[in-house]
Amino acid sequence: MRTTIILLFALWAAPTFAQKGKDSQLAIVSSTVCDMCERTIEENLIYEKGVRKVDVDLATSTVHITYNPAKNDPDRLRAALVKLGYSADGIPADPKAFAKLPECCQKEGCGQLPPAEHKP
């Protein structure tokens, strides 16, 4: 009986442990500049399918995402960031979402591309 219980637990837990090693990391250069940007992104992207962790580095304007590649991919994660009102790796923010960002973010131009990425 004891062996059966241990075997059942091992079979149940194996997929969970195996999946952790398969997570992917993605760094997206964005237009974040303030604490409100950080909070908005971290609180919303975590609900995207397969996302396990979101960390915004304001010093480098980079969003670091840990996700399960079987459930999501980099293009969809970039699109999710754009839908929040922020640029993602050179893709401009969704204008309607940008208009819904807090005033401080709009004044700082969070949804705009950084100056070096603007194209004439």
Foldseek 3Di string as FASTA:
>chain_A
DVVVVVVVVCVVCVVVVVQVVQKDKDKWQKLDADPLLQCLCQVPLCPQWFWDGWGADNVRNIIMTIGRVVTDDPVVSQVSSLACQMHTNLRAHDVVNVVVRPPVCVVSVRRGDPPVSDDD
